[in-house]
PDB file of N, CA and C in Angstrom:
ATOM      1  N   MET A   1      98.698  89.383 112.144  1.00  0.00           N
ATOM      2  CA  MET A   1      99.744  89.265 112.959  1.00  0.00           C
ATOM      3  C   MET A   1     100.334  90.298 113.350  1.00  0.00           C
ATOM      4  N   THR A   2      99.088  91.482 113.159  1.00  0.00           N
ATOM      5  CA  THR A   2      99.297  92.694 113.920  1.00  0.00           C
ATOM      6  C   THR A   2      98.606  92.577 114.991  1.00  0.00           C
ATOM      7  N   ALA A   3      97.611  91.827 114.562  1.00  0.00           N
ATOM      8  CA  ALA A   3      97.363  91.646 116.676  1.00  0.00           C
ATOM      9  C   ALA A   3      97.660  90.643 117.018  1.00  0.00           C
ATOM     10  N   MET A   4      98.345  89.675 116.653  1.00  0.00           N
ATOM     11  CA  MET A   4      99.413  88.986 117.546  1.00  0.00           C
ATOM     12  C   MET A   4     100.520  89.914 118.051  1.00  0.00           C
ATOM     13  N   SER A   5     100.885  90.614 117.807  1.00  0.00           N
ATOM     14  CA  SER A   5     102.106  91.727 117.762  1.00  0.00           C
ATOM     15  C   SER A   5     101.612  91.992 119.648  1.00  0.00           C
ATOM     16  N   GLY A   6     100.441  92.364 119.324  1.00  0.00           N
ATOM     17  CA  GLY A   6      99.597  93.116 120.806  1.00  0.00           C
ATOM     18  C   GLY A   6      99.773  92.213 122.088  1.00  0.00           C
ATOM     19  N   VAL A   7      99.406  90.385 121.509  1.00  0.00           N
ATOM     20  CA  VAL A   7      99.862  89.600 122.551  1.00  0.00           C
ATOM     21  C   VAL A   7     100.920  88.778 122.975  1.00  0.00           C
ATOM     22  N   ALA A   8     101.757  89.523 122.099  1.00  0.00           N
ATOM     23  CA  ALA A   8     103.513  88.748 122.270  1.00  0.00           C
ATOM     24  C   ALA A   8     103.819  89.418 123.933  1.00  0.00           C
ATOM     25  N   GLN A   9     104.453  87.787 124.366  1.00  0.00           N
ATOM     26  CA  GLN A   9     105.026  88.128 125.574  1.00  0.00           C
ATOM     27  C   GLN A   9     106.509  88.182 125.617  1.00  0.00           C
ATOM     28  N   ASN A  10     107.310  88.059 124.855  1.00  0.00           N
ATOM     29  CA  ASN A  10     108.909  88.223 124.695  1.00  0.00           C
ATOM     30  C   ASN A  10     109.180  88.722 123.214  1.00  0.00           C
ATOM     31  N   PHE A  11     110.727  89.372 123.563  1.00  0.00           N
ATOM     32  CA  PHE A  11     110.905  89.494 121.937  1.00  0.00           C
ATOM     33  C   PHE A  11     111.076  88.671 121.047  1.00  0.00           C
ATOM     34  N   VAL A  12     110.984  87.586 121.082  1.00  0.00           N
ATOM     35  CA  VAL A  12     110.881  86.749 120.125  1.00  0.00           C
ATOM     36  C   VAL A  12     109.963  86.354 119.498  1.00  0.00           C
ATOM     37  N   GLN A  13     109.116  86.723 120.617  1.00  0.00           N
ATOM     38  CA  GLN A  13     107.645  86.396 120.065  1.00  0.00           C
ATOM     39  C   GLN A  13     107.371  87.217 118.912  1.00  0.00           C
ATOM     40  N   LEU A  14     107.271  88.880 119.644  1.00  0.00           N
ATOM     41  CA  LEU A  14     106.758  89.960 118.642  1.00  0.00           C
ATOM     42  C   LEU A  14     107.996  89.980 117.526  1.00  0.00           C
ATOM     43  N   LEU A  15     109.104  89.422 118.131  1.00  0.00           N
ATOM     44  CA  LEU A  15     110.183  89.566 115.934  1.00  0.00           C
ATOM     45  C   LEU A  15     109.601  88.985 115.488  1.00  0.00           C
ATOM     46  N   LEU A  16     108.773  87.258 115.474  1.00  0.00           N
ATOM     47  CA  LEU A  16     108.166  86.766 114.246  1.00  0.00           C
ATOM     48  C   LEU A  16     106.490  87.056 114.193  1.00  0.00           C
ATOM     49  N   ALA A  17     105.929  87.835 115.327  1.00  0.00           N
ATOM     50  CA  ALA A  17     105.097  88.510 114.482  1.00  0.00           C
ATOM     51  C   ALA A  17     105.126  89.573 113.757  1.00  0.00           C
ATOM     52  N   ARG A  18     106.510  90.242 114.299  1.00  0.00           N
ATOM     53  CA  ARG A  18     105.986  91.455 113.240  1.00  0.00           C
ATOM     54  C   ARG A  18     107.009  90.916 111.622  1.00  0.00           C
ATOM     55  N   ILE A  19     107.790  89.958 111.628  1.00  0.00           N
ATOM     56  CA  ILE A  19     108.007  89.621 110.696  1.00  0.00           C
ATOM     57  C   ILE A  19     107.201  88.515 109.636  1.00  0.00           C
ATOM     58  N   GLY A  20     105.427  87.959 110.391  1.00  0.00           N
ATOM     59  CA  GLY A  20     104.901  87.545 109.802  1.00  0.00           C
ATOM     60  C   GLY A  20     104.162  88.572 109.185  1.00  0.00           C
ATOM     61  N   VAL A  21     103.995  89.929 109.532  1.00  0.00           N
ATOM     62  CA  VAL A  21     103.162  90.955 109.344  1.00  0.00           C
ATOM     63  C   VAL A  21     104.263  91.559 107.507  1.00  0.00           C
ATOM     64  N   GLY A  22     105.235  91.408 108.008  1.00  0.00           N
ATOM     65  CA  GLY A  22     105.873  91.623 106.403  1.00  0.00           C
ATOM     66  C   GLY A  22     105.765  90.541 105.685  1.00  0.00           C
ATOM     67  N   VAL A  23     105.842  89.128 105.751  1.00  0.00           N
ATOM     68  CA  VAL A  23     105.635  88.442 104.833  1.00  0.00           C
ATOM     69  C   VAL A  23     104.316  88.597 104.361  1.00  0.00           C
ATOM     70  N   GLY A  24     103.230  88.334 104.831  1.00  0.00           N
ATOM     71  CA  GLY A  24     101.837  88.791 104.950  1.00  0.00           C
ATOM     72  C   GLY A  24     101.922  90.049 103.760  1.00  0.00           C
ATOM     73  N   GLU A  25     102.437  90.738 103.944  1.00  0.00           N
ATOM     74  CA  GLU A  25     102.103  92.680 103.161  1.00  0.00           C
ATOM     75  C   GLU A  25     102.410  92.054 101.575  1.00  0.00           C
ATOM     76  N   ALA A  26     103.987  91.591 102.073  1.00  0.00           N
ATOM     77  CA  ALA A  26     104.780  90.679 100.449  1.00  0.00           C
ATOM     78  C   ALA A  26     104.281  89.957  99.764  1.00  0.00           C
ATOM     79  N   GLY A  27     103.116  88.748 100.506  1.00  0.00           N
ATOM     80  CA  GLY A  27     102.628  87.901  99.612  1.00  0.00           C
ATOM     81  C   GLY A  27     101.168  88.334  99.158  1.00  0.00           C
ATOM     82  N   CYS A  28     100.661  89.419  99.735  1.00  0.00           N
ATOM     83  CA  CYS A  28      99.464  89.785  99.358  1.00  0.00           C
ATOM     84  C   CYS A  28      99.324  90.844  97.717  1.00  0.00           C
ATOM     85  N   SER A  29     100.477  91.372  97.671  1.00  0.00           N
ATOM     86  CA  SER A  29     100.121  92.391  96.126  1.00  0.00           C
ATOM     87  C   SER A  29     100.079  91.044  95.120  1.00  0.00           C
ATOM     88  N   PRO A  30     101.153  90.369  94.729  1.00  0.00           N
ATOM     89  CA  PRO A  30     100.991  89.763  93.531  1.00  0.00           C
ATOM     90  C   PRO A  30      99.650  88.961  93.683  1.00  0.00           C
ATOM     91  N   PRO A  31      98.961  88.443  94.418  1.00  0.00           N
ATOM     92  CA  PRO A  31      98.000  87.714  93.889  1.00  0.00           C
ATOM     93  C   PRO A  31      96.468  88.470  94.188  1.00  0.00           C
ATOM     94  N   ALA A  32      96.750  89.894  94.423  1.00  0.00           N
ATOM     95  CA  ALA A  32      95.881  90.384  94.306  1.00  0.00           C
ATOM     96  C   ALA A  32      95.812  90.764  93.364  1.00  0.00           C
ATOM     97  N   HIS A  33      96.559  91.821  92.406  1.00  0.00           N
ATOM     98  CA  HIS A  33      96.905  92.213  91.147  1.00  0.00           C
ATOM     99  C   HIS A  33      95.936  91.294  90.268  1.00  0.00           C
ATOM    100  N   SER A  34      96.420  89.480  90.164  1.00  0.00           N
ATOM    101  CA  SER A  34      96.766  89.221  89.702  1.00  0.00           C
ATOM    102  C   SER A  34      94.422  88.861  89.384  1.00  0.00           C
ATOM    103  N   MET A  35      93.720  88.771  90.669  1.00  0.00           N
ATOM    104  CA  MET A  35      92.437  88.783  90.998  1.00  0.00           C
ATOM    105  C   MET A  35      92.324  90.012  90.310  1.00  0.00           C
ATOM    106  N   ILE A  36      92.482  91.247  90.555  1.00  0.00           N
ATOM    107  CA  ILE A  36      92.132  92.233  90.132  1.00  0.00           C
ATOM    108  C   ILE A  36      91.837  92.269  88.074  1.00  0.00           C
ATOM    109  N   SER A  37      93.186  92.177  88.109  1.00  0.00           N
ATOM    110  CA  SER A  37      92.982  91.867  86.206  1.00  0.00           C
ATOM    111  C   SER A  37      92.449  90.894  86.187  1.00  0.00           C
ATOM    112  N   ASP A  38      91.841  89.673  86.520  1.00  0.00           N
ATOM    113  CA  ASP A  38      91.097  88.437  86.392  1.00  0.00           C
ATOM    114  C   ASP A  38      89.374  89.118  85.953  1.00  0.00           C
ATOM    115  N   ILE A  39      89.035  90.035  87.515  1.00  0.00           N
ATOM    116  CA  ILE A  39      87.959  90.479  87.671  1.00  0.00           C
ATOM    117  C   ILE A  39      87.447  91.764  86.487  1.00  0.00           C
ATOM    118  N   PHE A  40      88.266  92.787  86.489  1.00  0.00           N
ATOM    119  CA  PHE A  40      87.870  94.020  86.085  1.00  0.00           C
ATOM    120  C   PHE A  40      88.593  93.978  84.118  1.00  0.00           C
ATOM    121  N   PRO A  41      87.236  94.699  83.791  1.00  0.00           N
ATOM    122  CA  PRO A  41      87.531  94.329  82.195  1.00  0.00           C
ATOM    123  C   PRO A  41      88.699  95.528  81.790  1.00  0.00           C
ATOM    124  N   GLU A  42      89.358  95.973  80.820  1.00  0.00           N
ATOM    125  CA  GLU A  42      90.682  96.405  80.283  1.00  0.00           C
ATOM    126  C   GLU A  42      90.497  98.072  81.070  1.00  0.00           C
ATOM    127  N   GLU A  43      88.906  98.342  80.188  1.00  0.00           N
ATOM    128  CA  GLU A  43      89.223  99.444  80.470  1.00  0.00           C
ATOM    129  C   GLU A  43      88.498 100.254  82.118  1.00  0.00           C
ATOM    130  N   LYS A  44      88.827  99.210  82.858  1.00  0.00           N
ATOM    131  CA  LYS A  44      88.421  99.410  84.294  1.00  0.00           C
ATOM    132  C   LYS A  44      89.289  99.519  85.042  1.00  0.00           C
ATOM    133  N   ARG A  45      90.355  98.762  84.680  1.00  0.00           N
ATOM    134  CA  ARG A  45      91.615  97.860  85.498  1.00  0.00           C
ATOM    135  C   ARG A  45      92.137  98.836  86.305  1.00  0.00           C
ATOM    136  N   ALA A  46      92.338 100.470  85.703  1.00  0.00           N
ATOM    137  CA  ALA A  46      93.660 101.328  86.128  1.00  0.00           C
ATOM    138  C   ALA A  46      92.753 101.719  86.999  1.00  0.00           C
ATOM    139  N   ARG A  47      91.107 101.748  87.221  1.00  0.00           N
ATOM    140  CA  ARG A  47      90.948 102.548  88.671  1.00  0.00           C
ATOM    141  C   ARG A  47      90.524 101.778  89.551  1.00  0.00           C
ATOM    142  N   ALA A  48      90.332 100.141  89.366  1.00  0.00           N
ATOM    143  CA  ALA A  48      90.527  99.707  90.088  1.00  0.00           C
ATOM    144  C   ALA A  48      91.735  99.246  90.998  1.00  0.00           C
ATOM    145  N   PHE A  49      93.194  99.369  90.353  1.00  0.00           N
ATOM    146  CA  PHE A  49      94.328  99.446  90.813  1.00  0.00           C
ATOM    147  C   PHE A  49      94.534 100.375  91.708  1.00  0.00           C
ATOM    148  N   ALA A  50      94.011 101.742  91.701  1.00  0.00           N
ATOM    149  CA  ALA A  50      94.069 102.891  91.848  1.00  0.00           C
ATOM    150  C   ALA A  50      93.690 102.556  93.577  1.00  0.00           C
ATOM    151  N   ILE A  51      92.197 101.940  93.312  1.00  0.00           N
ATOM    152  CA  ILE A  51      91.443 101.933  94.816  1.00  0.00           C
ATOM    153  C   ILE A  51      92.108 100.848  95.863  1.00  0.00           C
ATOM    154  N   TYR A  52      92.833 100.043  94.918  1.00  0.00           N
ATOM    155  CA  TYR A  52      93.691  98.907  95.705  1.00  0.00           C
ATOM    156  C   TYR A  52      94.801  99.752  96.600  1.00  0.00           C
ATOM    157  N   ASN A  53      95.243 100.623  95.565  1.00  0.00           N
ATOM    158  CA  ASN A  53      96.793 101.271  96.433  1.00  0.00           C
ATOM    159  C   ASN A  53      96.284 102.188  97.033  1.00  0.00           C
ATOM    160  N   LEU A  54      94.829 102.841  97.349  1.00  0.00           N
ATOM    161  CA  LEU A  54      94.823 103.962  98.054  1.00  0.00           C
ATOM    162  C   LEU A  54      94.622 103.220  99.137  1.00  0.00           C
ATOM    163  N   GLY A  55      94.322 101.818  99.598  1.00  0.00           N
ATOM    164  CA  GLY A  55      93.821 101.268 100.974  1.00  0.00           C
ATOM    165  C   GLY A  55      95.142 101.551 101.500  1.00  0.00           C
ATOM    166  N   ILE A  56      96.557 100.989 100.779  1.00  0.00           N
ATOM    167  CA  ILE A  56      97.645 100.896 101.644  1.00  0.00           C
ATOM    168  C   ILE A  56      98.066 102.128 102.213  1.00  0.00           C
ATOM    169  N   SER A  57      98.015 103.866 101.763  1.00  0.00           N
ATOM    170  CA  SER A  57      97.877 105.360 102.137  1.00  0.00           C
ATOM    171  C   SER A  57      97.132 105.119 103.376  1.00  0.00           C
ATOM    172  N   ILE A  58      95.539 104.699 103.583  1.00  0.00           N
ATOM    173  CA  ILE A  58      94.467 104.984 104.261  1.00  0.00           C
ATOM    174  C   ILE A  58      94.804 104.452 105.228  1.00  0.00           C
ATOM    175  N   GLY A  59      95.203 102.757 105.454  1.00  0.00           N
ATOM    176  CA  GLY A  59      95.647 102.206 106.470  1.00  0.00           C
ATOM    177  C   GLY A  59      96.737 102.521 107.279  1.00  0.00           C
ATOM    178  N   ILE A  60      97.862 103.468 106.276  1.00  0.00           N
ATOM    179  CA  ILE A  60      98.623 103.851 106.907  1.00  0.00           C
ATOM    180  C   ILE A  60      98.635 105.127 107.836  1.00  0.00           C
ATOM    181  N   MET A  61      97.381 105.909 107.305  1.00  0.00           N
ATOM    182  CA  MET A  61      97.163 107.158 107.932  1.00  0.00           C
ATOM    183  C   MET A  61      96.324 106.716 109.579  1.00  0.00           C
ATOM    184  N   PHE A  62      95.463 105.478 109.169  1.00  0.00           N
ATOM    185  CA  PHE A  62      94.708 105.144 110.229  1.00  0.00           C
ATOM    186  C   PHE A  62      95.890 104.499 111.202  1.00  0.00           C
ATOM    187  N   GLY A  63      96.871 104.358 111.150  1.00  0.00           N
ATOM    188  CA  GLY A  63      97.639 103.402 111.279  1.00  0.00           C
ATOM    189  C   GLY A  63      98.273 104.248 112.385  1.00  0.00           C
ATOM    190  N   TYR A  64      99.048 105.382 111.754  1.00  0.00           N
ATOM    191  CA  TYR A  64      99.807 106.375 112.583  1.00  0.00           C
ATOM    192  C   TYR A  64      98.798 107.212 113.695  1.00  0.00           C
ATOM    193  N   LEU A  65      97.439 107.515 113.290  1.00  0.00           N
ATOM    194  CA  LEU A  65      97.181 108.464 113.823  1.00  0.00           C
ATOM    195  C   LEU A  65      96.011 107.859 114.891  1.00  0.00           C
ATOM    196  N   LEU A  66      95.093 106.873 114.904  1.00  0.00           N
ATOM    197  CA  LEU A  66      94.374 105.947 116.069  1.00  0.00           C
ATOM    198  C   LEU A  66      95.194 105.429 116.428  1.00  0.00           C
ATOM    199  N   GLY A  67      96.284 104.641 115.686  1.00  0.00           N
ATOM    200  CA  GLY A  67      97.050 103.252 116.615  1.00  0.00           C
ATOM    201  C   GLY A  67      97.861 104.527 117.583  1.00  0.00           C
ATOM    202  N   GLY A  68      98.438 105.963 117.387  1.00  0.00           N
ATOM    203  CA  GLY A  68      99.076 106.662 117.796  1.00  0.00           C
ATOM    204  C   GLY A  68      98.749 107.180 119.438  1.00  0.00           C
ATOM    205  N   TRP A  69      96.895 107.152 118.628  1.00  0.00           N
ATOM    206  CA  TRP A  69      95.924 107.776 119.641  1.00  0.00           C
ATOM    207  C   TRP A  69      95.541 106.781 121.108  1.00  0.00           C
ATOM    208  N   ILE A  70      95.655 105.338 120.267  1.00  0.00           N
ATOM    209  CA  ILE A  70      95.271 104.280 121.512  1.00  0.00           C
ATOM    210  C   ILE A  70      96.368 104.309 122.018  1.00  0.00           C
ATOM    211  N   ASN A  71      98.172 104.695 121.673  1.00  0.00           N
ATOM    212  CA  ASN A  71      98.730 103.746 122.413  1.00  0.00           C
ATOM    213  C   ASN A  71      99.112 104.757 123.340  1.00  0.00           C
ATOM    214  N   GLU A  72      98.853 106.073 122.924  1.00  0.00           N
ATOM    215  CA  GLU A  72      98.981 107.139 124.455  1.00  0.00           C
ATOM    216  C   GLU A  72      98.009 106.720 125.552  1.00  0.00           C
ATOM    217  N   PHE A  73      96.881 106.478 125.383  1.00  0.00           N
ATOM    218  CA  PHE A  73      96.236 106.466 126.193  1.00  0.00           C
ATOM    219  C   PHE A  73      95.275 104.995 127.192  1.00  0.00           C
ATOM    220  N   TYR A  74      96.203 103.710 126.101  1.00  0.00           N
ATOM    221  CA  TYR A  74      95.884 102.766 126.886  1.00  0.00           C
ATOM    222  C   TYR A  74      96.994 101.240 126.540  1.00  0.00           C
ATOM    223  N   GLY A  75      98.162 101.391 125.821  1.00  0.00           N
ATOM    224  CA  GLY A  75      99.503 101.292 125.520  1.00  0.00           C
ATOM    225  C   GLY A  75      99.628 100.924 124.049  1.00  0.00           C
ATOM    226  N   TRP A  76     100.794  99.976 123.794  1.00  0.00           N
ATOM    227  CA  TRP A  76     101.385  99.476 122.807  1.00  0.00           C
ATOM    228  C   TRP A  76      99.877  98.167 122.621  1.00  0.00           C
ATOM    229  N   ARG A  77     100.313  97.580 123.532  1.00  0.00           N
ATOM    230  CA  ARG A  77      99.638  96.020 123.169  1.00  0.00           C
ATOM    231  C   ARG A  77      98.197  96.045 122.233  1.00  0.00           C
ATOM    232  N   VAL A  78      97.314  96.889 123.138  1.00  0.00           N
ATOM    233  CA  VAL A  78      96.098  97.650 122.629  1.00  0.00           C
ATOM    234  C   VAL A  78      95.634  98.254 121.579  1.00  0.00           C
ATOM    235  N   ALA A  79      97.005  99.122 121.061  1.00  0.00           N
ATOM    236  CA  ALA A  79      97.141  99.645 119.946  1.00  0.00           C
ATOM    237  C   ALA A  79      97.472  98.569 118.981  1.00  0.00           C
ATOM    238  N   PHE A  80      98.218  97.644 119.009  1.00  0.00           N
ATOM    239  CA  PHE A  80      98.098  96.687 118.263  1.00  0.00           C
ATOM    240  C   PHE A  80      97.023  95.489 118.010  1.00  0.00           C
ATOM    241  N   LEU A  81      96.858  95.465 118.727  1.00  0.00           N
ATOM    242  CA  LEU A  81      95.211  94.636 118.759  1.00  0.00           C
ATOM    243  C   LEU A  81      94.327  95.178 118.533  1.00  0.00           C
ATOM    244  N   VAL A  82      93.682  97.080 118.694  1.00  0.00           N
ATOM    245  CA  VAL A  82      92.756  97.261 118.258  1.00  0.00           C
ATOM    246  C   VAL A  82      92.792  97.441 116.113  1.00  0.00           C
ATOM    247  N   MET A  83      94.409  97.510 116.116  1.00  0.00           N
ATOM    248  CA  MET A  83      95.156  98.054 114.361  1.00  0.00           C
ATOM    249  C   MET A  83      95.103  96.541 113.867  1.00  0.00           C
ATOM    250  N   GLY A  84      94.746  95.098 114.562  1.00  0.00           N
ATOM    251  CA  GLY A  84      94.954  94.200 113.459  1.00  0.00           C
ATOM    252  C   GLY A  84      93.532  93.520 113.619  1.00  0.00           C
ATOM    253  N   LEU A  85      92.419  93.579 114.605  1.00  0.00           N
ATOM    254  CA  LEU A  85      91.048  92.741 114.476  1.00  0.00           C
ATOM    255  C   LEU A  85      90.596  93.245 112.994  1.00  0.00           C
ATOM    256  N   PRO A  86      90.735  94.795 112.706  1.00  0.00           N
ATOM    257  CA  PRO A  86      90.137  94.730 111.560  1.00  0.00           C
ATOM    258  C   PRO A  86      90.907  94.016 110.187  1.00  0.00           C
ATOM    259  N   GLY A  87      91.693  93.824 110.012  1.00  0.00           N
ATOM    260  CA  GLY A  87      92.458  93.005 109.161  1.00  0.00           C
ATOM    261  C   GLY A  87      92.013  91.513 109.331  1.00  0.00           C
ATOM    262  N   ILE A  88      91.745  90.959 110.419  1.00  0.00           N
ATOM    263  CA  ILE A  88      90.683  89.223 110.657  1.00  0.00           C
ATOM    264  C   ILE A  88      89.213  89.142 110.119  1.00  0.00           C
ATOM    265  N   PHE A  89      89.086  90.492 110.394  1.00  0.00           N
ATOM    266  CA  PHE A  89      87.289  90.189 109.979  1.00  0.00           C
ATOM    267  C   PHE A  89      87.846  90.869 108.400  1.00  0.00           C
ATOM    268  N   MET A  90      87.999  91.650 107.689  1.00  0.00           N
ATOM    269  CA  MET A  90      88.288  91.466 106.635  1.00  0.00           C
ATOM    270  C   MET A  90      89.123  90.138 105.611  1.00  0.00           C
ATOM    271  N   ALA A  91      89.541  89.357 106.053  1.00  0.00           N
ATOM    272  CA  ALA A  91      90.453  88.188 105.591  1.00  0.00           C
ATOM    273  C   ALA A  91      89.058  86.990 105.695  1.00  0.00           C
ATOM    274  N   LEU A  92      88.163  86.738 106.681  1.00  0.00           N
ATOM    275  CA  LEU A  92      87.162  86.357 106.952  1.00  0.00           C
ATOM    276  C   LEU A  92      86.115  87.021 105.848  1.00  0.00           C
ATOM    277  N   LEU A  93      85.865  88.058 105.534  1.00  0.00           N
ATOM    278  CA  LEU A  93      84.800  88.759 104.351  1.00  0.00           C
ATOM    279  C   LEU A  93      85.274  88.232 103.353  1.00  0.00           C
ATOM    280  N   VAL A  94      86.651  88.309 103.035  1.00  0.00           N
ATOM    281  CA  VAL A  94      87.185  88.105 101.470  1.00  0.00           C
ATOM    282  C   VAL A  94      87.141  86.437 101.618  1.00  0.00           C
ATOM    283  N   LYS A  95      87.501  85.475 102.620  1.00  0.00           N
ATOM    284  CA  LYS A  95      87.518  83.839 102.599  1.00  0.00           C
ATOM    285  C   LYS A  95      86.226  83.716 102.329  1.00  0.00           C
ATOM    286  N   LEU A  96      85.084  84.320 102.596  1.00  0.00           N
ATOM    287  CA  LEU A  96      83.477  84.271 102.449  1.00  0.00           C
ATOM    288  C   LEU A  96      82.875  84.201 101.214  1.00  0.00           C
ATOM    289  N   THR A  97      83.424  85.313 100.345  1.00  0.00           N
ATOM    290  CA  THR A  97      82.434  86.210  99.740  1.00  0.00           C
ATOM    291  C   THR A  97      83.236  85.842  98.398  1.00  0.00           C
ATOM    292  N   LEU A  98      84.741  86.244  98.295  1.00  0.00           N
ATOM    293  CA  LEU A  98      85.111  85.857  96.895  1.00  0.00           C
ATOM    294  C   LEU A  98      85.715  85.223  96.472  1.00  0.00           C
ATOM    295  N   ARG A  99      85.461  84.978  94.899  1.00  0.00           N
ATOM    296  CA  ARG A  99      85.864  83.584  94.728  1.00  0.00           C
ATOM    297  C   ARG A  99      86.454  83.857  93.174  1.00  0.00           C
ATOM    298  N   GLU A 100      87.549  82.778  93.251  1.00  0.00           N
ATOM    299  CA  GLU A 100      88.485  82.810  92.199  1.00  0.00           C
ATOM    300  C   GLU A 100      87.567  82.909  90.878  1.00  0.00           C
ATOM    301  N   PRO A 101      87.775  83.544  89.403  1.00  0.00           N
ATOM    302  CA  PRO A 101      87.070  83.617  88.583  1.00  0.00           C
ATOM    303  C   PRO A 101      87.763  82.159  87.566  1.00  0.00           C
ATOM    304  N   PRO A 102      86.762  81.462  87.100  1.00  0.00           N
ATOM    305  CA  PRO A 102      87.426  80.505  85.884  1.00  0.00           C
ATOM    306  C   PRO A 102      88.487  80.610  85.365  1.00  0.00           C
ATOM    307  N   VAL A 103      89.439  79.712  85.279  1.00  0.00           N
ATOM    308  CA  VAL A 103      90.420  79.433  83.911  1.00  0.00           C
ATOM    309  C   VAL A 103      89.734  79.665  82.845  1.00  0.00           C
ATOM    310  N   VAL A 104      90.423  80.647  82.056  1.00  0.00           N
ATOM    311  CA  VAL A 104      89.726  80.372  80.747  1.00  0.00           C
ATOM    312  C   VAL A 104      91.470  79.983  79.813  1.00  0.00           C
ATOM    313  N   CYS A 105      91.070  79.136  79.282  1.00  0.00           N
ATOM    314  CA  CYS A 105      92.655  78.305  78.427  1.00  0.00           C
ATOM    315  C   CYS A 105      92.044  79.343  77.186  1.00  0.00           C
ATOM    316  N   LEU A 106      93.066  79.602  76.325  1.00  0.00           N
ATOM    317  CA  LEU A 106      93.120  80.450  75.077  1.00  0.00           C
ATOM    318  C   LEU A 106      93.983  79.629  74.079  1.00  0.00           C
ATOM    319  N   LYS A 107      93.258  78.955  72.979  1.00  0.00           N
ATOM    320  CA  LYS A 107      94.338  78.628  72.458  1.00  0.00           C
ATOM    321  C   LYS A 107      95.224  78.885  71.131  1.00  0.00           C
ATOM    322  N   GLN A 108      96.256  78.484  70.730  1.00  0.00           N
ATOM    323  CA  GLN A 108      97.117  79.092  70.024  1.00  0.00           C
ATOM    324  C   GLN A 108      96.812  78.742  69.013  1.00  0.00           C
ATOM    325  N   GLU A 109      96.876  79.113  67.614  1.00  0.00           N
ATOM    326  CA  GLU A 109      96.749  78.948  66.314  1.00  0.00           C
ATOM    327  C   GLU A 109      98.139  78.940  65.902  1.00  0.00           C
ATOM    328  N   ARG A 110      98.253  77.615  65.487  1.00  0.00           N
ATOM    329  CA  ARG A 110      99.420  77.382  64.649  1.00  0.00           C
ATOM    330  C   ARG A 110      99.879  78.085  63.408  1.00  0.00           C
TER     331      ARG A 110
END
């Protein structure tokens, strides 16, 4: 959706693309936390969550520094495209390589 912001042709398209960014970010954390909890054992989970949450700060840093620099020399449309393209590649990588862990049902004893 960030890359889509760079190809928006009017205000409504830009607004919808930016709303899509917010929806995507809001909908990402709960499933990510669930998958991290499923994949990592309890003693390694804190580190996994820390690395996951560090990605937010690193992304913001690159967005401000690199995105601002690109905007200065090439314009805001190119900045949105360049900042959004890695997300598309990461989504494809996750889709092709990450598998949902098997469901484990625990019987409750009475």
